[in-house]
Structures are given as C-alpha cells and as structure tokens.
C-alpha atoms as a PDB file:
ATOM      1  CA  MET A   1       8.315 -15.109 -17.098  1.00  0.00           C
ATOM      2  CA  ILE A   2       8.748 -11.315 -17.273  1.00  0.00           C
ATOM      3  CA  GLU A   3      12.048  -9.686 -16.315  1.00  0.00           C
ATOM      4  CA  ALA A   4      11.443  -7.355 -13.382  1.00  0.00           C
ATOM      5  CA  LYS A   5      13.772  -4.623 -14.723  1.00  0.00           C
ATOM      6  CA  ARG A   6      11.791  -4.500 -17.938  1.00  0.00           C
ATOM      7  CA  ALA A   7       8.531  -4.275 -16.009  1.00  0.00           C
ATOM      8  CA  VAL A   8       9.906  -1.322 -14.013  1.00  0.00           C
ATOM      9  CA  GLU A   9      11.042   0.288 -17.248  1.00  0.00           C
ATOM     10  CA  LEU A  10       7.632  -0.061 -18.877  1.00  0.00           C
ATOM     11  CA  ALA A  11       5.706   1.055 -15.772  1.00  0.00           C
ATOM     12  CA  THR A  12       7.946   4.135 -15.480  1.00  0.00           C
ATOM     13  CA  ALA A  13       7.464   4.962 -19.158  1.00  0.00           C
ATOM     14  CA  LEU A  14       3.683   4.551 -18.950  1.00  0.00           C
ATOM     15  CA  LEU A  15       3.408   6.794 -15.890  1.00  0.00           C
ATOM     16  CA  THR A  16       5.733   9.408 -17.449  1.00  0.00           C
ATOM     17  CA  ALA A  17       3.652   9.351 -20.653  1.00  0.00           C
ATOM     18  CA  SER A  18       0.650  10.036 -18.414  1.00  0.00           C
ATOM     19  CA  GLY A  19       2.281  13.252 -17.172  1.00  0.00           C
ATOM     20  CA  VAL A  20       4.023  12.070 -13.980  1.00  0.00           C
ATOM     21  CA  ASP A  21       7.499  13.433 -13.284  1.00  0.00           C
ATOM     22  CA  GLU A  22      10.104  10.775 -14.228  1.00  0.00           C
ATOM     23  CA  ARG A  23      11.626  10.535 -10.760  1.00  0.00           C
ATOM     24  CA  LYS A  24       8.243  10.082  -9.119  1.00  0.00           C
ATOM     25  CA  ALA A  25       7.225   7.631 -11.856  1.00  0.00           C
ATOM     26  CA  LEU A  26      10.328   5.497 -11.178  1.00  0.00           C
ATOM     27  CA  VAL A  27       9.617   5.384  -7.420  1.00  0.00           C
ATOM     28  CA  THR A  28       6.031   4.434  -8.163  1.00  0.00           C
ATOM     29  CA  ALA A  29       7.029   1.751 -10.712  1.00  0.00           C
ATOM     30  CA  ARG A  30       9.463   0.124  -8.247  1.00  0.00           C
ATOM     31  CA  SER A  31       6.782   0.149  -5.555  1.00  0.00           C
ATOM     32  CA  ILE A  32       4.369  -1.621  -7.899  1.00  0.00           C
ATOM     33  CA  VAL A  33       6.751  -4.216  -9.356  1.00  0.00           C
ATOM     34  CA  ILE A  34       8.204  -5.195  -5.956  1.00  0.00           C
ATOM     35  CA  SER A  35       4.735  -6.349  -4.929  1.00  0.00           C
ATOM     36  CA  ASP A  36       4.755  -8.851  -7.759  1.00  0.00           C
ATOM     37  CA  LEU A  37       8.239  -9.981  -6.758  1.00  0.00           C
ATOM     38  CA  TRP A  38       7.028 -10.498  -3.208  1.00  0.00           C
ATOM     39  CA  GLY A  39       4.192 -12.706  -4.500  1.00  0.00           C
ATOM     40  CA  ASN A  40       1.634 -10.016  -3.695  1.00  0.00           C
ATOM     41  CA  ALA A  41       0.180  -9.699  -7.200  1.00  0.00           C
ATOM     42  CA  SER A  42      -3.001  -8.034  -5.894  1.00  0.00           C
ATOM     43  CA  HIS A  43      -0.983  -4.821  -5.331  1.00  0.00           C
ATOM     44  CA  GLY A  44       1.409  -5.166  -8.276  1.00  0.00           C
ATOM     45  CA  LEU A  45       1.121  -4.595 -12.013  1.00  0.00           C
ATOM     46  CA  MET A  46      -2.506  -5.740 -11.901  1.00  0.00           C
ATOM     47  CA  ARG A  47      -3.245  -2.272 -10.463  1.00  0.00           C
ATOM     48  CA  LEU A  48      -1.268  -0.209 -12.982  1.00  0.00           C
ATOM     49  CA  GLY A  49      -4.041  -0.146 -15.554  1.00  0.00           C
ATOM     50  CA  PHE A  50      -6.400   1.310 -12.973  1.00  0.00           C
ATOM     51  CA  TYR A  51      -3.896   4.059 -12.092  1.00  0.00           C
ATOM     52  CA  LEU A  52      -3.413   4.900 -15.805  1.00  0.00           C
ATOM     53  CA  LYS A  53      -7.175   5.136 -16.380  1.00  0.00           C
ATOM     54  CA  ARG A  54      -7.537   7.406 -13.375  1.00  0.00           C
ATOM     55  CA  LEU A  55      -4.638   9.585 -14.518  1.00  0.00           C
ATOM     56  CA  ALA A  56      -6.258   9.910 -17.947  1.00  0.00           C
ATOM     57  CA  ALA A  57      -9.691  10.726 -16.458  1.00  0.00           C
ATOM     58  CA  GLY A  58      -8.379  13.309 -13.976  1.00  0.00           C
ATOM     59  CA  GLY A  59      -8.879  11.150 -10.877  1.00  0.00           C
ATOM     60  CA  ILE A  60      -5.172  11.345 -10.124  1.00  0.00           C
ATOM     61  CA  ASN A  61      -3.177  14.548 -10.429  1.00  0.00           C
ATOM     62  CA  PRO A  62       0.089  13.712 -12.305  1.00  0.00           C
ATOM     63  CA  HIS A  63       1.638  17.077 -11.335  1.00  0.00           C
ATOM     64  CA  ALA A  64       0.962  16.818  -7.565  1.00  0.00           C
ATOM     65  CA  GLU A  65       3.514  17.788  -4.948  1.00  0.00           C
ATOM     66  CA  LEU A  66       3.643  17.204  -1.197  1.00  0.00           C
ATOM     67  CA  THR A  67       2.852  20.528   0.428  1.00  0.00           C
ATOM     68  CA  GLU A  68       3.061  21.089   4.191  1.00  0.00           C
ATOM     69  CA  ARG A  69      -0.273  21.932   5.863  1.00  0.00           C
ATOM     70  CA  SER A  70       1.171  22.100   9.405  1.00  0.00           C
ATOM     71  CA  SER A  71       4.215  21.000  11.342  1.00  0.00           C
ATOM     72  CA  ARG A  72       5.768  20.716  14.798  1.00  0.00           C
ATOM     73  CA  PRO A  73       9.292  19.542  15.609  1.00  0.00           C
ATOM     74  CA  ALA A  74       8.376  15.834  15.255  1.00  0.00           C
ATOM     75  CA  VAL A  75       5.106  16.044  13.312  1.00  0.00           C
ATOM     76  CA  VAL A  76       4.379  17.027   9.698  1.00  0.00           C
ATOM     77  CA  ILE A  77       0.986  16.979   7.970  1.00  0.00           C
ATOM     78  CA  PHE A  78       1.097  17.036   4.167  1.00  0.00           C
ATOM     79  CA  ASN A  79      -1.469  17.744   1.479  1.00  0.00           C
ATOM     80  CA  GLY A  80      -0.882  15.155  -1.283  1.00  0.00           C
ATOM     81  CA  GLU A  81      -2.698  17.298  -3.891  1.00  0.00           C
ATOM     82  CA  ASN A  82      -4.459  14.164  -5.183  1.00  0.00           C
ATOM     83  CA  GLY A  83      -1.193  12.595  -6.389  1.00  0.00           C
ATOM     84  CA  LEU A  84      -0.095   8.969  -6.630  1.00  0.00           C
ATOM     85  CA  GLY A  85       0.257   7.459  -3.163  1.00  0.00           C
ATOM     86  CA  HIS A  86       3.361   5.403  -3.926  1.00  0.00           C
ATOM     87  CA  TRP A  87       5.985   8.150  -4.343  1.00  0.00           C
ATOM     88  CA  GLN A  88       4.243  10.269  -1.720  1.00  0.00           C
ATOM     89  CA  LEU A  89       4.560   7.608   0.977  1.00  0.00           C
ATOM     90  CA  TRP A  90       8.172   6.873   0.075  1.00  0.00           C
ATOM     91  CA  GLN A  91       9.040  10.581   0.296  1.00  0.00           C
ATOM     92  CA  ALA A  92       7.153  10.889   3.582  1.00  0.00           C
ATOM     93  CA  ALA A  93       8.988   7.857   4.968  1.00  0.00           C
ATOM     94  CA  GLU A  94      12.357   9.466   4.157  1.00  0.00           C
ATOM     95  CA  ARG A  95      11.270  12.689   5.875  1.00  0.00           C
ATOM     96  CA  GLY A  96      10.109  10.661   8.886  1.00  0.00           C
ATOM     97  CA  VAL A  97      13.525   9.041   9.226  1.00  0.00           C
ATOM     98  CA  LYS A  98      15.316  12.370   9.111  1.00  0.00           C
ATOM     99  CA  ILE A  99      13.152  13.784  11.898  1.00  0.00           C
ATOM    100  CA  ALA A 100      13.275  10.604  14.014  1.00  0.00           C
ATOM    101  CA  LYS A 101      17.083  10.633  13.929  1.00  0.00           C
ATOM    102  CA  SER A 102      16.941  14.140  15.360  1.00  0.00           C
ATOM    103  CA  GLU A 103      13.947  13.937  17.703  1.00  0.00           C
ATOM    104  CA  GLY A 104      13.850  10.210  18.486  1.00  0.00           C
ATOM    105  CA  ILE A 105      10.375   9.815  16.962  1.00  0.00           C
ATOM    106  CA  SER A 106       8.342  11.326  14.133  1.00  0.00           C
ATOM    107  CA  LEU A 107       4.804  11.259  12.757  1.00  0.00           C
ATOM    108  CA  ILE A 108       4.149  12.118   9.127  1.00  0.00           C
ATOM    109  CA  SER A 109       0.606  12.155   7.703  1.00  0.00           C
ATOM    110  CA  ILE A 110      -0.619  12.755   4.172  1.00  0.00           C
ATOM    111  CA  ALA A 111      -4.162  13.835   3.344  1.00  0.00           C
ATOM    112  CA  ASN A 112      -5.718  14.033  -0.147  1.00  0.00           C
ATOM    113  CA  SER A 113      -3.651  11.226  -1.629  1.00  0.00           C
ATOM    114  CA  ASN A 114      -4.433   8.049  -3.568  1.00  0.00           C
ATOM    115  CA  HIS A 115      -3.844   4.293  -3.296  1.00  0.00           C
ATOM    116  CA  CYS A 116      -0.244   3.401  -2.542  1.00  0.00           C
ATOM    117  CA  GLY A 117      -0.068  -0.350  -3.142  1.00  0.00           C
ATOM    118  CA  ALA A 118       1.510  -2.594  -0.504  1.00  0.00           C
ATOM    119  CA  LEU A 119       2.255  -0.670   2.723  1.00  0.00           C
ATOM    120  CA  GLY A 120       5.259  -2.856   3.491  1.00  0.00           C
ATOM    121  CA  VAL A 121       7.215  -1.137   0.678  1.00  0.00           C
ATOM    122  CA  TYR A 122       7.467   2.061   2.666  1.00  0.00           C
ATOM    123  CA  LEU A 123       9.045   0.450   5.745  1.00  0.00           C
ATOM    124  CA  TYR A 124      12.445   0.297   4.033  1.00  0.00           C
ATOM    125  CA  PRO A 125      13.692   3.885   4.506  1.00  0.00           C
ATOM    126  CA  ALA A 126      13.268   3.338   8.259  1.00  0.00           C
ATOM    127  CA  LEU A 127      14.700  -0.182   8.219  1.00  0.00           C
ATOM    128  CA  ASP A 128      17.795   1.046   6.324  1.00  0.00           C
ATOM    129  CA  ALA A 129      18.264   3.635   9.066  1.00  0.00           C
ATOM    130  CA  LYS A 130      17.819   1.104  11.872  1.00  0.00           C
ATOM    131  CA  ALA A 131      14.496   2.572  12.904  1.00  0.00           C
ATOM    132  CA  ILE A 132      11.128   1.067  13.722  1.00  0.00           C
ATOM    133  CA  SER A 133       8.250   2.060  11.411  1.00  0.00           C
ATOM    134  CA  LEU A 134       4.471   1.856  11.681  1.00  0.00           C
ATOM    135  CA  ILE A 135       2.318   2.740   8.708  1.00  0.00           C
ATOM    136  CA  PHE A 136      -1.480   3.068   8.354  1.00  0.00           C
ATOM    137  CA  SER A 137      -3.716   3.894   5.349  1.00  0.00           C
ATOM    138  CA  ASN A 138      -7.381   3.856   4.406  1.00  0.00           C
ATOM    139  CA  GLY A 139      -9.447   3.410   1.235  1.00  0.00           C
ATOM    140  CA  PRO A 140     -13.021   2.871   0.072  1.00  0.00           C
ATOM    141  CA  ALA A 141     -15.394   1.463   2.688  1.00  0.00           C
ATOM    142  CA  VAL A 142     -15.819  -2.284   2.278  1.00  0.00           C
ATOM    143  CA  MET A 143     -15.884  -3.630   5.835  1.00  0.00           C
ATOM    144  CA  PRO A 144     -18.989  -3.528   8.024  1.00  0.00           C
ATOM    145  CA  ALA A 145     -19.124  -3.550  11.797  1.00  0.00           C
ATOM    146  CA  VAL A 146     -19.757  -6.993  13.293  1.00  0.00           C
ATOM    147  CA  GLY A 147     -23.531  -7.445  13.017  1.00  0.00           C
ATOM    148  CA  GLY A 148     -23.854  -4.464  10.714  1.00  0.00           C
ATOM    149  CA  ASN A 149     -24.997  -4.412   7.098  1.00  0.00           C
ATOM    150  CA  THR A 150     -23.298  -1.235   5.824  1.00  0.00           C
ATOM    151  CA  PRO A 151     -19.632  -0.901   4.835  1.00  0.00           C
ATOM    152  CA  LEU A 152     -17.924   1.605   7.169  1.00  0.00           C
ATOM    153  CA  LEU A 153     -14.177   0.946   6.960  1.00  0.00           C
ATOM    154  CA  SER A 154     -11.667   0.070   4.287  1.00  0.00           C
ATOM    155  CA  THR A 155      -9.470  -3.031   4.455  1.00  0.00           C
ATOM    156  CA  SER A 156      -7.567  -0.746   6.911  1.00  0.00           C
ATOM    157  CA  PRO A 157      -4.045  -2.094   6.375  1.00  0.00           C
ATOM    158  CA  ILE A 158      -1.265  -1.929   8.962  1.00  0.00           C
ATOM    159  CA  ALA A 159       2.473  -2.338   8.292  1.00  0.00           C
ATOM    160  CA  ALA A 160       5.312  -2.514  10.810  1.00  0.00           C
ATOM    161  CA  GLY A 161       9.038  -2.855  10.299  1.00  0.00           C
ATOM    162  CA  ILE A 162      11.445  -3.938  13.034  1.00  0.00           C
ATOM    163  CA  PRO A 163      15.166  -3.408  12.272  1.00  0.00           C
ATOM    164  CA  SER A 164      16.722  -6.648  13.562  1.00  0.00           C
ATOM    165  CA  ASN A 165      19.665  -8.232  11.701  1.00  0.00           C
ATOM    166  CA  HIS A 166      17.089  -9.832   9.415  1.00  0.00           C
ATOM    167  CA  PRO A 167      14.339  -7.155   9.390  1.00  0.00           C
ATOM    168  CA  MET A 168      10.952  -8.303  10.553  1.00  0.00           C
ATOM    169  CA  ILE A 169       8.182  -7.033   8.270  1.00  0.00           C
ATOM    170  CA  ILE A 170       4.472  -7.168   9.087  1.00  0.00           C
ATOM    171  CA  ASP A 171       1.994  -6.086   6.444  1.00  0.00           C
ATOM    172  CA  LEU A 172      -1.647  -7.061   6.755  1.00  0.00           C
ATOM    173  CA  ALA A 173      -5.209  -5.991   6.131  1.00  0.00           C
ATOM    174  CA  THR A 174      -7.633  -5.916   9.056  1.00  0.00           C
ATOM    175  CA  SER A 175     -10.330  -7.404   6.792  1.00  0.00           C
ATOM    176  CA  ALA A 176     -10.320 -11.167   6.313  1.00  0.00           C
ATOM    177  CA  VAL A 177      -8.479 -10.652   3.017  1.00  0.00           C
ATOM    178  CA  ALA A 178      -7.040  -7.745   1.106  1.00  0.00           C
ATOM    179  CA  ARG A 179      -9.509  -6.451  -1.492  1.00  0.00           C
ATOM    180  CA  GLY A 180      -6.809  -6.520  -4.187  1.00  0.00           C
ATOM    181  CA  LYS A 181      -6.822 -10.332  -3.960  1.00  0.00           C
ATOM    182  CA  ILE A 182     -10.489 -10.316  -4.911  1.00  0.00           C
ATOM    183  CA  ALA A 183      -9.787  -7.823  -7.717  1.00  0.00           C
ATOM    184  CA  ALA A 184      -7.058 -10.088  -9.091  1.00  0.00           C
ATOM    185  CA  LYS A 185      -9.454 -13.050  -9.047  1.00  0.00           C
ATOM    186  CA  ALA A 186     -12.147 -10.930 -10.716  1.00  0.00           C
ATOM    187  CA  LYS A 187      -9.719  -9.986 -13.539  1.00  0.00           C
ATOM    188  CA  GLU A 188      -9.215 -13.669 -14.210  1.00  0.00           C
ATOM    189  CA  GLY A 189     -12.943 -14.398 -14.000  1.00  0.00           C
ATOM    190  CA  GLY A 190     -12.391 -16.606 -10.957  1.00  0.00           C
ATOM    191  CA  ARG A 191     -14.083 -17.474  -7.677  1.00  0.00           C
ATOM    192  CA  ILE A 192     -13.096 -16.824  -4.079  1.00  0.00           C
ATOM    193  CA  PRO A 193     -13.392 -18.956  -0.911  1.00  0.00           C
ATOM    194  CA  GLU A 194     -16.332 -18.574   1.402  1.00  0.00           C
ATOM    195  CA  GLY A 195     -15.660 -16.238   4.282  1.00  0.00           C
ATOM    196  CA  TRP A 196     -13.890 -13.559   2.244  1.00  0.00           C
ATOM    197  CA  ALA A 197     -16.943 -11.494   1.257  1.00  0.00           C
ATOM    198  CA  VAL A 198     -20.646 -11.204   2.101  1.00  0.00           C
ATOM    199  CA  ASP A 199     -23.691  -9.360   0.759  1.00  0.00           C
ATOM    200  CA  ARG A 200     -25.796  -6.961   2.830  1.00  0.00           C
ATOM    201  CA  GLU A 201     -27.857  -9.850   4.163  1.00  0.00           C
ATOM    202  CA  GLY A 202     -24.720 -11.582   5.399  1.00  0.00           C
ATOM    203  CA  ASN A 203     -24.759 -14.299   2.744  1.00  0.00           C
ATOM    204  CA  ALA A 204     -21.388 -15.556   1.503  1.00  0.00           C
ATOM    205  CA  ILE A 205     -20.256 -14.393  -1.965  1.00  0.00           C
ATOM    206  CA  THR A 206     -17.932 -16.642  -3.960  1.00  0.00           C
ATOM    207  CA  ASP A 207     -18.051 -14.928  -7.383  1.00  0.00           C
ATOM    208  CA  ALA A 208     -15.049 -12.549  -7.433  1.00  0.00           C
ATOM    209  CA  LYS A 209     -16.660  -9.894  -9.614  1.00  0.00           C
ATOM    210  CA  GLU A 210     -19.745  -9.836  -7.450  1.00  0.00           C
ATOM    211  CA  ALA A 211     -17.576  -9.711  -4.307  1.00  0.00           C
ATOM    212  CA  LEU A 212     -15.979  -6.458  -5.462  1.00  0.00           C
ATOM    213  CA  ASN A 213     -19.381  -4.839  -4.934  1.00  0.00           C
ATOM    214  CA  GLY A 214     -20.025  -6.685  -1.671  1.00  0.00           C
ATOM    215  CA  MET A 215     -18.528  -6.352   1.808  1.00  0.00           C
ATOM    216  CA  LEU A 216     -15.400  -7.916   3.311  1.00  0.00           C
ATOM    217  CA  ALA A 217     -15.540  -9.673   6.661  1.00  0.00           C
ATOM    218  CA  PRO A 218     -13.315  -8.288   9.435  1.00  0.00           C
ATOM    219  CA  LEU A 219     -10.220 -10.324  10.335  1.00  0.00           C
ATOM    220  CA  GLY A 220     -11.051 -12.230  13.504  1.00  0.00           C
ATOM    221  CA  GLY A 221     -14.505 -10.733  13.788  1.00  0.00           C
ATOM    222  CA  ALA A 222     -14.882  -7.920  16.302  1.00  0.00           C
ATOM    223  CA  LYS A 223     -11.113  -7.722  16.877  1.00  0.00           C
ATOM    224  CA  GLY A 224     -10.446  -7.003  13.214  1.00  0.00           C
ATOM    225  CA  PHE A 225     -13.069  -4.298  13.125  1.00  0.00           C
ATOM    226  CA  ALA A 226     -11.631  -2.698  16.288  1.00  0.00           C
ATOM    227  CA  LEU A 227      -8.178  -2.613  14.655  1.00  0.00           C
ATOM    228  CA  GLY A 228      -9.786  -1.054  11.598  1.00  0.00           C
ATOM    229  CA  LEU A 229     -11.187   1.721  13.790  1.00  0.00           C
ATOM    230  CA  VAL A 230      -7.678   2.391  15.082  1.00  0.00           C
ATOM    231  CA  VAL A 231      -6.377   2.678  11.525  1.00  0.00           C
ATOM    232  CA  GLU A 232      -9.180   5.016  10.447  1.00  0.00           C
ATOM    233  CA  SER A 233      -8.487   7.211  13.476  1.00  0.00           C
ATOM    234  CA  MET A 234      -4.765   7.260  12.735  1.00  0.00           C
ATOM    235  CA  VAL A 235      -5.278   8.456   9.155  1.00  0.00           C
ATOM    236  CA  ALA A 236      -8.516  10.345   8.510  1.00  0.00           C
ATOM    237  CA  GLY A 237      -8.706  11.450  12.155  1.00  0.00           C
ATOM    238  CA  LEU A 238      -5.191  12.927  12.199  1.00  0.00           C
ATOM    239  CA  THR A 239      -5.261  14.606   8.816  1.00  0.00           C
ATOM    240  CA  SER A 240      -8.898  15.778   8.619  1.00  0.00           C
ATOM    241  CA  GLY A 241      -8.903  13.658   5.454  1.00  0.00           C
ATOM    242  CA  ALA A 242     -11.796  11.717   4.015  1.00  0.00           C
ATOM    243  CA  LEU A 243     -13.394   8.916   5.973  1.00  0.00           C
ATOM    244  CA  SER A 244     -13.508   5.583   4.176  1.00  0.00           C
ATOM    245  CA  THR A 245     -17.247   6.054   3.538  1.00  0.00           C
ATOM    246  CA  GLU A 246     -16.341   9.205   1.512  1.00  0.00           C
ATOM    247  CA  ILE A 247     -13.587   7.666  -0.672  1.00  0.00           C
ATOM    248  CA  PRO A 248     -14.294   6.870  -4.338  1.00  0.00           C
ATOM    249  CA  ASP A 249     -13.680   3.286  -5.491  1.00  0.00           C
ATOM    250  CA  MET A 250     -10.702   2.588  -7.767  1.00  0.00           C
ATOM    251  CA  PHE A 251     -12.504  -0.466  -9.163  1.00  0.00           C
ATOM    252  CA  ASN A 252     -15.606   1.521 -10.204  1.00  0.00           C
ATOM    253  CA  GLU A 253     -15.083   3.132 -13.632  1.00  0.00           C
ATOM    254  CA  LYS A 254     -17.698   5.763 -12.751  1.00  0.00           C
ATOM    255  CA  ASP A 255     -15.286   7.081 -10.124  1.00  0.00           C
ATOM    256  CA  ASP A 256     -12.255   7.372 -12.425  1.00  0.00           C
ATOM    257  CA  ALA A 257     -12.448  11.153 -12.522  1.00  0.00           C
ATOM    258  CA  LYS A 258     -12.756  11.536  -8.778  1.00  0.00           C
ATOM    259  CA  GLY A 259      -9.752  11.958  -6.458  1.00  0.00           C
ATOM    260  CA  GLN A 260      -9.743   9.311  -3.753  1.00  0.00           C
ATOM    261  CA  MET A 261      -8.708  11.609  -0.908  1.00  0.00           C
ATOM    262  CA  ILE A 262      -6.999   8.716   0.846  1.00  0.00           C
ATOM    263  CA  SER A 263      -4.910   9.410   3.984  1.00  0.00           C
ATOM    264  CA  HIS A 264      -1.649   7.799   5.127  1.00  0.00           C
ATOM    265  CA  THR A 265       0.278   8.021   8.403  1.00  0.00           C
ATOM    266  CA  ILE A 266       3.840   6.931   9.185  1.00  0.00           C
ATOM    267  CA  ILE A 267       5.291   6.727  12.687  1.00  0.00           C
ATOM    268  CA  THR A 268       9.101   6.284  12.805  1.00  0.00           C
ATOM    269  CA  ILE A 269      11.057   5.555  15.976  1.00  0.00           C
ATOM    270  CA  ASP A 270      14.838   5.564  16.236  1.00  0.00           C
ATOM    271  CA  ALA A 271      15.565   2.092  17.680  1.00  0.00           C
ATOM    272  CA  ASP A 272      18.476   3.490  19.719  1.00  0.00           C
ATOM    273  CA  ALA A 273      16.727   6.642  20.898  1.00  0.00           C
ATOM    274  CA  LEU A 274      15.767   5.410  24.366  1.00  0.00           C
ATOM    275  CA  SER A 275      18.330   2.792  25.256  1.00  0.00           C
ATOM    276  CA  GLY A 276      21.306   3.305  22.936  1.00  0.00           C
ATOM    277  CA  GLU A 277      22.867   0.363  21.115  1.00  0.00           C
ATOM    278  CA  THR A 278      21.221  -2.037  23.530  1.00  0.00           C
ATOM    279  CA  GLY A 279      17.832  -1.315  21.907  1.00  0.00           C
ATOM    280  CA  ARG A 280      18.908  -2.881  18.672  1.00  0.00           C
ATOM    281  CA  ASP A 281      20.544  -5.763  20.524  1.00  0.00           C
ATOM    282  CA  ARG A 282      17.213  -6.687  22.108  1.00  0.00           C
ATOM    283  CA  LEU A 283      15.477  -6.559  18.729  1.00  0.00           C
ATOM    284  CA  ASN A 284      18.090  -8.937  17.320  1.00  0.00           C
ATOM    285  CA  LYS A 285      17.616 -11.220  20.336  1.00  0.00           C
ATOM    286  CA  LEU A 286      13.860 -11.162  19.756  1.00  0.00           C
ATOM    287  CA  ALA A 287      14.206 -12.145  16.096  1.00  0.00           C
ATOM    288  CA  LEU A 288      16.720 -14.847  17.002  1.00  0.00           C
ATOM    289  CA  SER A 289      14.284 -16.325  19.547  1.00  0.00           C
ATOM    290  CA  VAL A 290      11.794 -16.840  16.708  1.00  0.00           C
ATOM    291  CA  THR A 291      14.190 -18.759  14.466  1.00  0.00           C
ATOM    292  CA  GLU A 292      15.731 -20.754  17.327  1.00  0.00           C
ATOM    293  CA  SER A 293      12.230 -21.964  18.219  1.00  0.00           C
ATOM    294  CA  GLY A 294      11.832 -23.356  14.721  1.00  0.00           C
ATOM    295  CA  GLY A 295       9.742 -20.425  13.493  1.00  0.00           C
ATOM    296  CA  ARG A 296      10.222 -17.976  10.638  1.00  0.00           C
ATOM    297  CA  THR A 297      10.486 -14.236  11.062  1.00  0.00           C
ATOM    298  CA  PRO A 298       7.958 -12.403   8.853  1.00  0.00           C
ATOM    299  CA  GLY A 299       9.311 -10.785   5.709  1.00  0.00           C
ATOM    300  CA  LYS A 300      12.792 -12.326   5.955  1.00  0.00           C
ATOM    301  CA  SER A 301      12.910 -13.343   2.275  1.00  0.00           C
ATOM    302  CA  ARG A 302      11.576 -10.078   0.850  1.00  0.00           C
ATOM    303  CA  LEU A 303      13.681  -8.288  -1.732  1.00  0.00           C
ATOM    304  CA  HIS A 304      14.528  -4.635  -1.024  1.00  0.00           C
ATOM    305  CA  PRO A 305      12.548  -2.286  -3.320  1.00  0.00           C
ATOM    306  CA  LEU A 306      15.778  -0.549  -4.436  1.00  0.00           C
ATOM    307  CA  ARG A 307      17.546  -3.801  -5.350  1.00  0.00           C
ATOM    308  CA  ILE A 308      15.412  -5.012  -8.247  1.00  0.00           C
ATOM    309  CA  LYS A 309      17.655  -6.629 -10.878  1.00  0.00           C
ATOM    310  CA  ASP A 310      17.135  -9.611 -13.162  1.00  0.00           C
ATOM    311  CA  GLU A 311      14.405 -11.345 -11.120  1.00  0.00           C
ATOM    312  CA  GLY A 312      11.488 -12.846 -13.007  1.00  0.00           C
ATOM    313  CA  ILE A 313       7.796 -12.405 -12.301  1.00  0.00           C
ATOM    314  CA  ASN A 314       4.806 -14.328 -13.527  1.00  0.00           C
ATOM    315  CA  LEU A 315       1.901 -12.208 -14.782  1.00  0.00           C
ATOM    316  CA  ALA A 316      -1.553 -13.299 -15.872  1.00  0.00           C
ATOM    317  CA  THR A 317      -2.055 -13.027 -19.640  1.00  0.00           C
ATOM    318  CA  PRO A 318      -4.840 -10.377 -19.348  1.00  0.00           C
ATOM    319  CA  ILE A 319      -2.452  -8.110 -17.387  1.00  0.00           C
ATOM    320  CA  VAL A 320       0.336  -8.482 -19.964  1.00  0.00           C
ATOM    321  CA  GLU A 321      -2.049  -7.744 -22.799  1.00  0.00           C
ATOM    322  CA  GLU A 322      -3.513  -4.729 -21.021  1.00  0.00           C
ATOM    323  CA  LEU A 323      -0.133  -3.151 -20.280  1.00  0.00           C
ATOM    324  CA  ASN A 324       1.200  -3.873 -23.761  1.00  0.00           C
ATOM    325  CA  GLY A 325      -1.942  -2.201 -25.087  1.00  0.00           C
ATOM    326  CA  TRP A 326      -1.181   0.892 -23.029  1.00  0.00           C
ATOM    327  CA  ALA A 327       2.385   0.834 -24.401  1.00  0.00           C
ATOM    328  CA  GLU A 328       1.051   0.757 -27.951  1.00  0.00           C
ATOM    329  CA  ARG A 329      -1.356   3.607 -27.183  1.00  0.00           C
ATOM    330  CA  PHE A 330       1.505   5.783 -25.896  1.00  0.00           C
ATOM    331  CA  LYS A 331       3.915   4.607 -28.640  1.00  0.00           C
ATOM    332  CA  ILE A 332       6.329   3.145 -26.060  1.00  0.00           C
ATOM    333  CA  PRO A 333       8.619   0.516 -27.620  1.00  0.00           C
ATOM    334  CA  THR A 334       9.039  -1.563 -24.431  1.00  0.00           C
ATOM    335  CA  ARG A 335       6.758  -4.612 -24.179  1.00  0.00           C
ATOM    336  CA  LEU A 336       6.328  -7.264 -21.542  1.00  0.00           C
END
C-alpha cells in the first residue's frame, strides 16, 4: 500500500525535474493520483511514465502556457501550446466557473493540448461553485464506425457534474471500454475480455498488448459511435484542433516526440442562473429520488482532488519499479 500524499510528492518532483513549473506539476500530480484513489488505475500513476518519456522526447512542452486565441463574453478558445492536459483543463474549468457566475453559462475550449487523465477530475471547480459542468475530450483514433474497418474516433470520453447535496458525477468513454484499461492490462502482460477490442476483420482480440494496436468497439453499437461523433464535434470542431485520426498515440514510442494536439471543451452552467435557488432544490430532489428508490447516485463516494491526505493506493509492482527508476534517474530521494 502506497501513501497517496507520498505519491503526489513524487509525481510533482518528477514533473518538476522534467521542466514543468512546480504549481502546474502539483495540479497535474493530484489529477493523476486521484484517479488511483478512485479505483481508476488506467488513468493514474500507470500513465506517469508515458508523460515523462514524452516530456523528455519533446512530445510535451513543459513550459507551455494557456494563451487566448479568441473570446466572446461567455466563450474562450485557448491554445495549449502542447502542454500537459491536466493543469490546463483545471485552469480552464476555473475560468469557466468565473464566466458562468457572471454570464450564466460559459464554454471554454483548448486546442493543441495533451492527454488529461480522467475527465471527472475537472468537474470539481464547477461543483464547488454549485454549477453544472459538461466536459469533452478526444485522443488517438481507436474506434471504428459500426460496420467499418478503420479507426475514426478516440474513446471520446464525456464527463458531467451535477451539484446536488451529494454531487452526481458521470465520467465515461463512448467506446465499450476506456483504452487505458487495456494499457494497464498490457503493462501486466494480461488478457482482456472478448468484446473490448477487435482487429480490422472484426475478430475479437483478447491479448491486451495486441489490443492496443487494434480497434475498440463502440459502447452500445451505433449509439456509442453517434455519441463519439458529438464529442469529436464539440472538441476538434470548435477549436479547429486535430481530428482523432491526426493525433499521435501516447502508447507508441515512435510518437514520443510528437505533440498530440488533443482538444478539450468545458461547458459550465450556473445552476441558479435560470430559476434562482429553486434550480438547486430540484437537483437535490432528483438525487434524492435515486437513493430513495434503492439506487446509488454516480460518484457519491469519490474523494475531492484537493482533499488527498493519508489514503492508501495499491499499485502494480511494474509501476512502482518504473517510477522509482525515474526518481533514481533524477536523483529524487522520494520513493514509493
């Protein structure tokens, strides 16, 4: 069992040693470690080694800033300058809240960014401000159209946060499974269930390493692919950023020196903007109806990204060894 605070400390130190500003490194480290604490290891510390390799190879710009490309009263489009997606999305979410509290709604998009981990992390600035948040992002093309044999879309994740008394958090891929789950299995040399990935002939792939080079089935068939088209339109379409078919693959070492050019979009809505305090009351009533029916509201047990303390996380031995190896390389005394 690894203490979460120590994991944040090491991740921050490794990113800082790679040239990232310490404040941005800390935001990124928290965003990574919270995924492990949520039980979403596929977007946690398993990914840090990939980010470090890409920083070293020039595929991620450690000195990037968010620069405005265009803006209107409720809309801002940023150029991410090929920086880490984690701190960029958190900063964009905070900007979105500020605008939404003034205008009632905001839309913030970032072009020319990189992978950001679990989208659900970036719902919290809005949730803390009692606002609704919708987030979209893209990545390398891995999902074909139904009946097609060419990957066209990424896993096309969608996240939504509803600020009821116990916030409701939705965070899902529109592919049958998030690709990071397959990457985690591949790192362990494992296999995956049938139905997660297929080859270009439509045959099921169960070897995790092979599946990383295959295609992921859409969630719910044609409906999942249709949702993926919405996500792609909401990110690459709004920002003039790269389509998924143009985005380099984090899991392909040959692409380590290439910026991913990923796009992200956040829509933030002040929950009281249209109907005053009664708006939030209805959201609370909605959440209560779920629990009173015997159900469970999504995300209820998730720890806030800014409240990481002494919690423990379980990490696979290869991940611990890899990160300790990076610490030794950078002469960082902290070890997992």
